[in-house]
Every structure is written in C-alpha cells, then in structure tokens.
C-alpha cells in the first residue's frame, strides 16, 4: 500500500514538473507575441519594437542590444507588429494601423476601417504612433577645418540641424557658418540658418512655411531675411529616391554693410529637390530654388545646393557640400555669385 502511495506522489510531482516546464515554454512565446517581429529573406528574424522605416531602412529596438538594429527594407520578408503605425505609400496615401504579412506575402495594414493590402515596394514610410517626444526628434552636427600654408589661410566651418517628425507635419531648424582668416586679406564670414514647417496633405502634397536668414561679407550682406510660403509635391517617392517640386511666394528684406541702402521686395519661388539614398552608405541631395522678382522687375536670384553624406559606424558620417548663390542685381560693389565648398566630420542622433 505504501508503495502505491509513493507511486501516486511521484506521478503528482511529475505532473507538476511537466506543467512547470510547459509554462516556462509558453513564457518566451508570450513575450514574443507581445513584441514586433521581422523575418528577413535570409531566414533570420528580429523581435523588439519597430521605431520607423524611412529611406529604405527599418529601425528596430531590442532588449538584447544596446544599439538599435538597422535593416534594409528590401531584405524584409515578413513583418508583424502590435505597434500602431502611420504608413505612407508611393502614391502619397497614408494609413494608420497595425501591420502583419498576409499568406500571399503582402503587407496587411489593419485599420479601423478594415484591412488594406500593399506590396513591400508600395510602403515608403513607417512611423510608430506610440513613440514619445524624444523618439521623434533628430539632430546632426558636423565641423571642418582647412589650413593652407600660403598666406596662412585658416578656414572653419560648422553645421547643425535639429528636426521633429509628427503624424501629419514636420519641423526643422538649421544653422551653417564658415569663417576664413589669412594674412594680408580681410576676414570673410558667411552664416545662414532657418526654420521650416511642412504640413503633409494626401497624395504627396504638402504646405510649406519657412523663415531663413543669410549674412555674407562676399555679397556685402549684413542680413538677408526671407519668409516663404508655398505648396509642394513629391513626383517620385520610393525607398531609394525622393523627387519633388515647390511653388510659392517669398518676402525678401535685405540690409547691407556700409552706406548701401536696404531693399525689400516680393518674389516668386520655384524649386526642385532630388534626394537619392539607396547607394550603399551614401546619401546624395541636389536642390535648386529660383526667385523671380515680382515687385523688382528684371531681378532674379537662385540658390543651388549639392550635398553628399557617407555613413560611418556609430552614427558618424563624412560630409561634402557645395552651395552656390546667384543674384543678377546685387548691391553696388558686391559679387553676383558666391559659392562654398565644405567638408567635415559629423554625428547624427
């Protein structure tokens, strides 16, 4: 009889142990089910919290790494989320919802109005709507220094950018400064900065408002202050290329050095911007803006910008930029053109 009781107790202990092992097996599965997950085309998978996908790169935060993972969107086979996302497509249409992959291999967005099915190539932007303020903030800073033995030329340049991305709008501030000193020649200085705001509309249209300032000894400008408003449109919006256009009006107020009289005028604004970022670790930006005079007939100005950025480990990068400003009716004694070539080492957050 005692022998039978021992067997029963052993069986009970075994059942308890089996139940415990079963629960321990379920815990990781429950943890995974409470996280976003990404399956790659090479068979690997990552679980964590998907932060965003922009410019063809998906960023996911995990508990097992101090650094966020960056994954090429073209290498993603399946995606599943409990996070609520803002999703933008190549057509400029926006959806809000969670994401999973359908049996047919399409991106399934579960919205309040029902499911929406897209190909992976259709999706150009994901942004978590559960993110806090600091997660939606970004910033860059870079500095450079050139020294030439002839005439003891010393040149410093610095750039800084800070921006914020929200559900329907974005804001950005930037500052750029170049100073040059050399023997037997007066010091030259060029500073510019501005604030811009974009409100995004359906089908890749957006409304723009910006205020920008420029100070430039080469063009005898103490300060050129521009206030611009207009509407823009992305003609091409994919995971490798952005190409857009802008049209609007600009208020231009200029004060000059010396006894040169100040000027103010209204101008039109026509611009285009081309951004290519699927070239390995290189990001290329080209931008042209033309300002035809409205109240100053016959006057027109233009700004050309070419920027390249090569990404390095740990969020560092090498920057090369070229800027050209043109004015066919400059102040007396000032140059019609001014250009800047900058190189520097930077860090982004």
Protein backbone atom coordinates (compact mmCIF):
# COMPACT_ATOMS: atom_id res chain seq x y z
CA UNK A 1 0.00 0.00 0.00
CA UNK A 2 2.80 2.40 0.93
CA UNK A 3 4.48 1.53 -2.34
CA UNK A 4 1.35 2.59 -4.29
CA UNK A 5 1.20 5.89 -2.37
CA UNK A 6 4.82 6.63 -3.36
CA UNK A 7 3.98 5.97 -6.99
CA UNK A 8 0.98 8.34 -6.82
CA UNK A 9 3.12 11.06 -5.17
CA UNK A 10 5.78 10.58 -7.83
CA UNK A 11 3.19 10.91 -10.59
CA UNK A 12 1.84 14.09 -8.98
CA UNK A 13 5.37 15.53 -8.76
CA UNK A 14 5.95 14.59 -12.38
CA UNK A 15 2.69 16.29 -13.46
CA UNK A 16 3.70 19.42 -11.54
CA UNK A 17 7.14 19.38 -13.16
CA UNK A 18 5.62 18.86 -16.61
CA UNK A 19 3.18 21.74 -16.03
CA UNK A 20 6.03 23.97 -14.85
CA UNK A 21 8.11 23.14 -17.92
CA UNK A 22 5.11 23.79 -20.16
CA UNK A 23 4.53 27.22 -18.58
CA UNK A 24 8.22 28.07 -18.91
CA UNK A 25 7.97 27.15 -22.57
CA UNK A 26 4.98 29.46 -23.03
CA UNK A 27 6.61 32.47 -21.39
CA UNK A 28 9.06 33.21 -24.22
CA UNK A 29 6.27 32.70 -26.73
CA UNK A 30 4.09 35.16 -24.84
CA UNK A 31 6.97 37.62 -24.73
CA UNK A 32 7.46 37.28 -28.48
CA UNK A 33 3.74 37.71 -29.13
CA UNK A 34 3.88 40.97 -27.20
CA UNK A 35 6.63 42.39 -29.46
CA UNK A 36 7.02 43.42 -33.07
CA UNK A 37 8.88 40.91 -35.20
CA UNK A 38 10.65 40.99 -38.54
CA UNK A 39 11.56 37.96 -40.65
CA UNK A 40 14.38 38.51 -43.15
CA UNK A 41 14.82 36.95 -46.56
CA UNK A 42 17.96 35.19 -45.33
CA UNK A 43 15.90 33.31 -42.71
CA UNK A 44 16.93 35.34 -39.66
CA UNK A 45 14.38 37.14 -37.52
CA UNK A 46 14.43 40.04 -35.05
CA UNK A 47 11.93 40.80 -32.28
CA UNK A 48 11.55 44.09 -30.44
CA UNK A 49 9.89 47.44 -31.02
CA UNK A 50 9.84 48.80 -34.57
CA UNK A 51 10.51 52.54 -34.43
CA UNK A 52 10.31 53.56 -38.07
CA UNK A 53 11.15 52.80 -41.66
CA UNK A 54 12.39 55.68 -43.74
CA UNK A 55 14.61 55.99 -46.81
CA UNK A 56 14.59 52.23 -47.25
CA UNK A 57 15.92 51.43 -43.75
CA UNK A 58 13.85 49.91 -40.93
CA UNK A 59 14.92 50.63 -37.33
CA UNK A 60 14.01 48.22 -34.52
CA UNK A 61 14.86 48.44 -30.81
CA UNK A 62 15.54 45.19 -28.94
CA UNK A 63 16.12 44.18 -25.32
CA UNK A 64 19.26 42.22 -26.18
CA UNK A 65 21.27 45.03 -27.78
CA UNK A 66 22.32 48.49 -26.59
CA UNK A 67 22.11 49.76 -30.17
CA UNK A 68 19.06 49.78 -32.43
CA UNK A 69 19.15 47.44 -35.42
CA UNK A 70 19.02 49.00 -38.90
CA UNK A 71 17.64 46.65 -41.56
CA UNK A 72 17.36 47.25 -45.29
CA UNK A 73 13.65 47.25 -46.17
CA UNK A 74 14.43 45.34 -49.36
CA UNK A 75 15.73 42.47 -47.18
CA UNK A 76 12.49 42.09 -45.18
CA UNK A 77 10.30 39.08 -45.99
CA UNK A 78 7.65 39.32 -43.26
CA UNK A 79 6.67 41.88 -40.62
CA UNK A 80 4.29 41.64 -37.65
CA UNK A 81 3.51 44.41 -35.18
CA UNK A 82 1.49 45.22 -32.11
CA UNK A 83 2.66 48.83 -32.51
CA UNK A 84 0.27 51.29 -34.14
CA UNK A 85 1.87 52.87 -37.23
CA UNK A 86 1.47 55.72 -39.64
CA UNK A 87 2.10 54.14 -43.06
CA UNK A 88 2.86 56.17 -46.21
CA UNK A 89 2.82 54.74 -49.73
CA UNK A 90 4.44 55.65 -53.04
CA UNK A 91 1.10 57.28 -54.03
CA UNK A 92 1.22 59.58 -51.01
CA UNK A 93 -1.71 57.83 -49.31
CA UNK A 94 -1.50 57.46 -45.51
CA UNK A 95 -2.94 54.78 -43.27
CA UNK A 96 -2.99 54.22 -39.51
CA UNK A 97 -2.97 50.72 -38.05
CA UNK A 98 -1.02 47.64 -37.02
CA UNK A 99 0.87 45.54 -39.56
CA UNK A 100 1.19 41.89 -40.44
CA UNK A 101 2.15 39.88 -43.52
CA UNK A 102 -0.58 38.06 -45.42
CA UNK A 103 -0.19 34.46 -46.66
CA UNK A 104 0.32 35.92 -50.14
CA UNK A 105 3.38 37.84 -48.89
CA UNK A 106 1.76 41.28 -48.87
CA UNK A 107 1.85 43.93 -46.16
CA UNK A 108 -1.53 43.86 -44.41
CA UNK A 109 -2.43 47.07 -42.57
CA UNK A 110 -5.23 46.54 -40.07
CA UNK A 111 -7.01 49.91 -39.92
CA UNK A 112 -10.20 50.92 -38.12
CA UNK A 113 -11.99 50.85 -41.49
CA UNK A 114 -10.73 47.39 -42.39
CA UNK A 115 -7.61 45.70 -43.79
CA UNK A 116 -5.51 47.26 -46.57
CA UNK A 117 -3.10 45.15 -48.64
CA UNK A 118 0.11 46.58 -50.11
CA UNK A 119 3.29 45.22 -51.63
CA UNK A 120 6.52 45.84 -49.74
CA UNK A 121 7.63 48.20 -52.53
CA UNK A 122 4.45 50.26 -52.05
CA UNK A 123 5.48 51.17 -48.48
CA UNK A 124 7.93 54.08 -48.26
CA UNK A 125 7.49 55.21 -44.67
CA UNK A 126 6.53 53.72 -41.30
CA UNK A 127 6.37 55.72 -38.09
CA UNK A 128 5.30 54.42 -34.72
CA UNK A 129 2.43 56.45 -33.30
CA UNK A 130 3.30 55.09 -29.84
CA UNK A 131 6.65 56.92 -29.80
CA UNK A 132 7.40 59.63 -27.27
CA UNK A 133 8.63 63.16 -27.96
CA UNK A 134 12.35 62.32 -27.86
CA UNK A 135 11.95 59.39 -30.26
CA UNK A 136 10.56 61.73 -32.92
CA UNK A 137 13.40 64.22 -32.58
CA UNK A 138 16.55 64.03 -34.72
CA UNK A 139 19.72 66.10 -34.94
CA UNK A 140 23.04 66.31 -36.77
CA UNK A 141 26.21 68.31 -36.24
CA UNK A 142 29.44 68.44 -38.24
CA UNK A 143 32.60 70.53 -38.20
CA UNK A 144 35.56 71.00 -40.54
CA UNK A 145 38.89 72.84 -40.62
CA UNK A 146 41.19 73.72 -43.52
CA UNK A 147 44.74 75.11 -43.20
CA UNK A 148 46.80 76.32 -46.17
CA UNK A 149 50.45 77.31 -45.77
CA UNK A 150 50.25 80.00 -48.46
CA UNK A 151 49.13 83.24 -46.77
CA UNK A 152 48.41 81.20 -43.63
CA UNK A 153 44.80 80.57 -44.69
CA UNK A 154 42.65 79.12 -41.90
CA UNK A 155 39.03 78.18 -42.50
CA UNK A 156 36.48 76.83 -40.04
CA UNK A 157 33.07 75.51 -40.97
CA UNK A 158 30.26 74.09 -38.88
CA UNK A 159 26.71 72.89 -39.50
CA UNK A 160 23.90 71.83 -37.19
CA UNK A 161 20.37 70.57 -37.80
CA UNK A 162 17.53 69.65 -35.48
CA UNK A 163 14.13 68.37 -36.56
CA UNK A 164 10.88 66.84 -35.38
CA UNK A 165 8.63 64.37 -37.22
CA UNK A 166 4.97 64.15 -36.22
CA UNK A 167 1.96 62.33 -37.62
CA UNK A 168 0.95 64.98 -40.17
CA UNK A 169 3.71 67.56 -40.02
CA UNK A 170 7.43 68.10 -39.61
CA UNK A 171 9.61 70.99 -38.45
CA UNK A 172 13.32 71.62 -38.91
CA UNK A 173 15.88 74.19 -37.83
CA UNK A 174 19.39 74.54 -39.26
CA UNK A 175 22.48 76.72 -38.87
CA UNK A 176 25.61 76.89 -41.03
CA UNK A 177 28.72 79.05 -40.56
CA UNK A 178 32.02 79.50 -42.40
CA UNK A 179 34.87 81.77 -41.28
CA UNK A 180 38.15 82.39 -43.12
CA UNK A 181 41.24 84.26 -41.96
CA UNK A 182 44.50 84.78 -43.88
CA UNK A 183 47.49 87.12 -43.91
CA UNK A 184 47.14 90.49 -45.70
CA UNK A 185 43.47 89.83 -46.52
CA UNK A 186 40.36 90.84 -44.60
CA UNK A 187 38.47 88.12 -42.79
CA UNK A 188 35.47 86.65 -44.58
CA UNK A 189 32.40 85.22 -42.92
CA UNK A 190 29.23 83.54 -44.12
CA UNK A 191 26.38 82.46 -41.86
CA UNK A 192 22.94 81.16 -42.70
CA UNK A 193 20.13 79.50 -40.81
CA UNK A 194 16.42 78.99 -40.79
CA UNK A 195 13.25 77.37 -39.55
CA UNK A 196 10.85 75.42 -41.77
CA UNK A 197 7.49 73.72 -41.32
CA UNK A 198 5.69 71.22 -43.56
CA UNK A 199 2.11 70.02 -43.27
CA UNK A 200 1.51 66.86 -45.27
CA UNK A 201 -1.60 66.51 -47.43
CA UNK A 202 -2.98 63.45 -49.26
CA UNK A 203 -1.32 62.17 -52.46
CA UNK A 204 2.15 63.51 -51.52
CA UNK A 205 1.28 67.23 -51.49
CA UNK A 206 2.45 69.42 -48.62
CA UNK A 207 2.18 73.02 -47.44
CA UNK A 208 5.45 74.79 -46.65
CA UNK A 209 6.27 77.75 -44.44
CA UNK A 210 9.82 78.89 -43.69
CA UNK A 211 11.94 81.77 -42.41
CA UNK A 212 15.62 81.93 -43.44
CA UNK A 213 18.47 84.36 -42.87
CA UNK A 214 21.83 84.88 -44.62
CA UNK A 215 24.81 87.05 -43.72
CA UNK A 216 27.64 87.15 -46.27
CA UNK A 217 30.63 89.50 -46.47
CA UNK A 218 31.30 88.47 -50.11
CA UNK A 219 27.93 89.90 -51.17
CA UNK A 220 28.09 92.75 -48.62
CA UNK A 221 25.01 91.37 -46.89
CA UNK A 222 24.59 92.17 -43.23
CA UNK A 223 21.35 90.20 -43.30
CA UNK A 224 19.00 88.84 -45.94
CA UNK A 225 15.75 87.72 -44.33
CA UNK A 226 13.35 85.55 -46.35
CA UNK A 227 9.83 84.48 -45.36
CA UNK A 228 8.44 81.86 -47.74
CA UNK A 229 5.13 80.06 -48.13
CA UNK A 230 4.05 77.66 -50.83
CA UNK A 231 2.86 74.22 -51.80
CA UNK A 232 4.99 71.24 -52.78
CA UNK A 233 4.51 67.84 -54.37
CA UNK A 234 6.61 64.68 -54.44
CA UNK A 235 6.60 63.46 -58.04
CA UNK A 236 8.64 60.36 -57.13
CA UNK A 237 8.55 58.92 -53.63
CA UNK A 238 10.16 55.48 -53.27
CA UNK A 239 12.54 53.65 -50.94
CA UNK A 240 15.53 54.86 -52.95
CA UNK A 241 14.56 58.27 -54.39
CA UNK A 242 12.59 61.38 -53.43
CA UNK A 243 11.97 63.94 -56.18
CA UNK A 244 9.73 66.90 -55.51
CA UNK A 245 8.73 70.37 -56.70
CA UNK A 246 7.77 73.57 -54.91
CA UNK A 247 5.98 76.79 -55.93
CA UNK A 248 5.14 79.79 -53.77
CA UNK A 249 5.91 83.40 -52.84
CA UNK A 250 8.74 84.94 -50.82
CA UNK A 251 9.18 88.20 -48.92
CA UNK A 252 12.79 89.38 -49.17
CA UNK A 253 14.30 92.01 -46.83
CA UNK A 254 18.00 92.91 -47.24
CA UNK A 255 20.31 95.15 -45.23
CA UNK A 256 23.86 95.80 -46.43
CA UNK A 257 27.18 96.86 -44.96
CA UNK A 258 28.43 100.42 -45.30
CA UNK A 259 26.18 103.10 -46.79
CA UNK A 260 24.33 100.80 -49.18
CA UNK A 261 20.57 101.33 -48.99
CA UNK A 262 18.41 98.49 -47.69
CA UNK A 263 15.99 96.73 -50.04
CA UNK A 264 12.76 94.82 -49.68
CA UNK A 265 10.71 93.03 -52.31
CA UNK A 266 8.29 90.23 -53.14
CA UNK A 267 9.45 87.31 -55.23
CA UNK A 268 8.06 84.13 -56.71
CA UNK A 269 9.51 80.78 -55.66
CA UNK A 270 10.11 77.81 -57.96
CA UNK A 271 12.17 74.87 -56.78
CA UNK A 272 13.00 71.22 -57.17
CA UNK A 273 14.74 68.73 -54.87
CA UNK A 274 16.22 65.33 -55.67
CA UNK A 275 17.32 63.01 -52.87
CA UNK A 276 18.94 59.63 -53.59
CA UNK A 277 19.77 57.44 -50.60
CA UNK A 278 19.98 53.82 -51.78
CA UNK A 279 23.61 53.99 -52.93
CA UNK A 280 25.33 51.89 -50.29
CA UNK A 281 26.13 54.17 -47.34
CA UNK A 282 25.97 57.36 -49.44
CA UNK A 283 23.16 59.93 -49.32
CA UNK A 284 23.00 62.48 -52.18
CA UNK A 285 20.87 65.64 -52.17
CA UNK A 286 20.53 68.15 -55.02
CA UNK A 287 18.33 71.24 -54.65
CA UNK A 288 17.67 74.25 -56.91
CA UNK A 289 15.44 77.21 -55.97
CA UNK A 290 14.80 80.21 -58.25
CA UNK A 291 13.35 83.55 -57.05
CA UNK A 292 11.96 85.65 -59.94
CA UNK A 293 11.27 89.23 -58.88
CA UNK A 294 7.66 90.40 -58.60
CA UNK A 295 7.99 93.94 -57.24
CA UNK A 296 11.56 94.31 -58.59
CA UNK A 297 11.05 93.62 -62.28
CA UNK A 298 14.00 92.01 -64.04
CA UNK A 299 15.70 90.82 -60.87
CA UNK A 300 16.07 87.14 -60.13
CA UNK A 301 18.05 85.13 -57.66
CA UNK A 302 18.86 81.44 -57.37
CA UNK A 303 20.26 79.03 -54.79
CA UNK A 304 21.90 75.73 -55.74
CA UNK A 305 22.82 73.07 -53.21
CA UNK A 306 24.61 69.74 -53.61
CA UNK A 307 25.23 67.57 -50.54
CA UNK A 308 26.72 64.11 -50.08
CA UNK A 309 26.94 62.18 -46.83
CA UNK A 310 28.86 58.94 -46.28
CA UNK A 311 27.75 56.98 -43.23
CA UNK A 312 30.37 55.65 -40.80
CA UNK A 313 29.94 53.34 -37.78
CA UNK A 314 28.41 54.64 -34.53
CA UNK A 315 26.27 57.30 -36.28
CA UNK A 316 29.27 59.29 -37.53
CA UNK A 317 29.49 60.45 -41.13
CA UNK A 318 31.68 62.35 -43.61
CA UNK A 319 30.06 65.31 -45.30
CA UNK A 320 30.85 67.07 -48.59
CA UNK A 321 28.70 70.00 -49.66
CA UNK A 322 28.64 72.69 -52.35
CA UNK A 323 26.40 75.79 -52.29
CA UNK A 324 26.07 78.47 -54.99
CA UNK A 325 24.13 81.74 -54.59
CA UNK A 326 23.40 83.98 -57.59
CA UNK A 327 21.86 87.47 -57.81
CA UNK A 328 21.71 89.30 -61.16
CA UNK A 329 21.18 92.65 -59.39
CA UNK A 330 23.49 92.58 -56.37
CA UNK A 331 24.34 95.55 -54.18
CA UNK A 332 26.83 98.05 -55.57
CA UNK A 333 30.35 96.65 -55.38
CA UNK A 334 29.16 93.16 -54.44
CA UNK A 335 29.69 89.97 -56.41
CA UNK A 336 26.82 88.40 -58.40
CA UNK A 337 27.83 84.92 -57.25
CA UNK A 338 29.13 83.33 -54.11
CA UNK A 339 29.95 79.67 -53.65
CA UNK A 340 31.02 77.50 -50.74
CA UNK A 341 32.67 74.07 -50.72
CA UNK A 342 32.53 72.36 -47.33
CA UNK A 343 33.92 69.13 -45.94
CA UNK A 344 33.56 67.88 -42.41
CA UNK A 345 33.11 65.05 -39.95
CA UNK A 346 29.70 64.79 -38.32
CA UNK A 347 27.49 62.85 -35.93
CA UNK A 348 23.74 62.28 -36.09
CA UNK A 349 21.18 61.35 -33.48
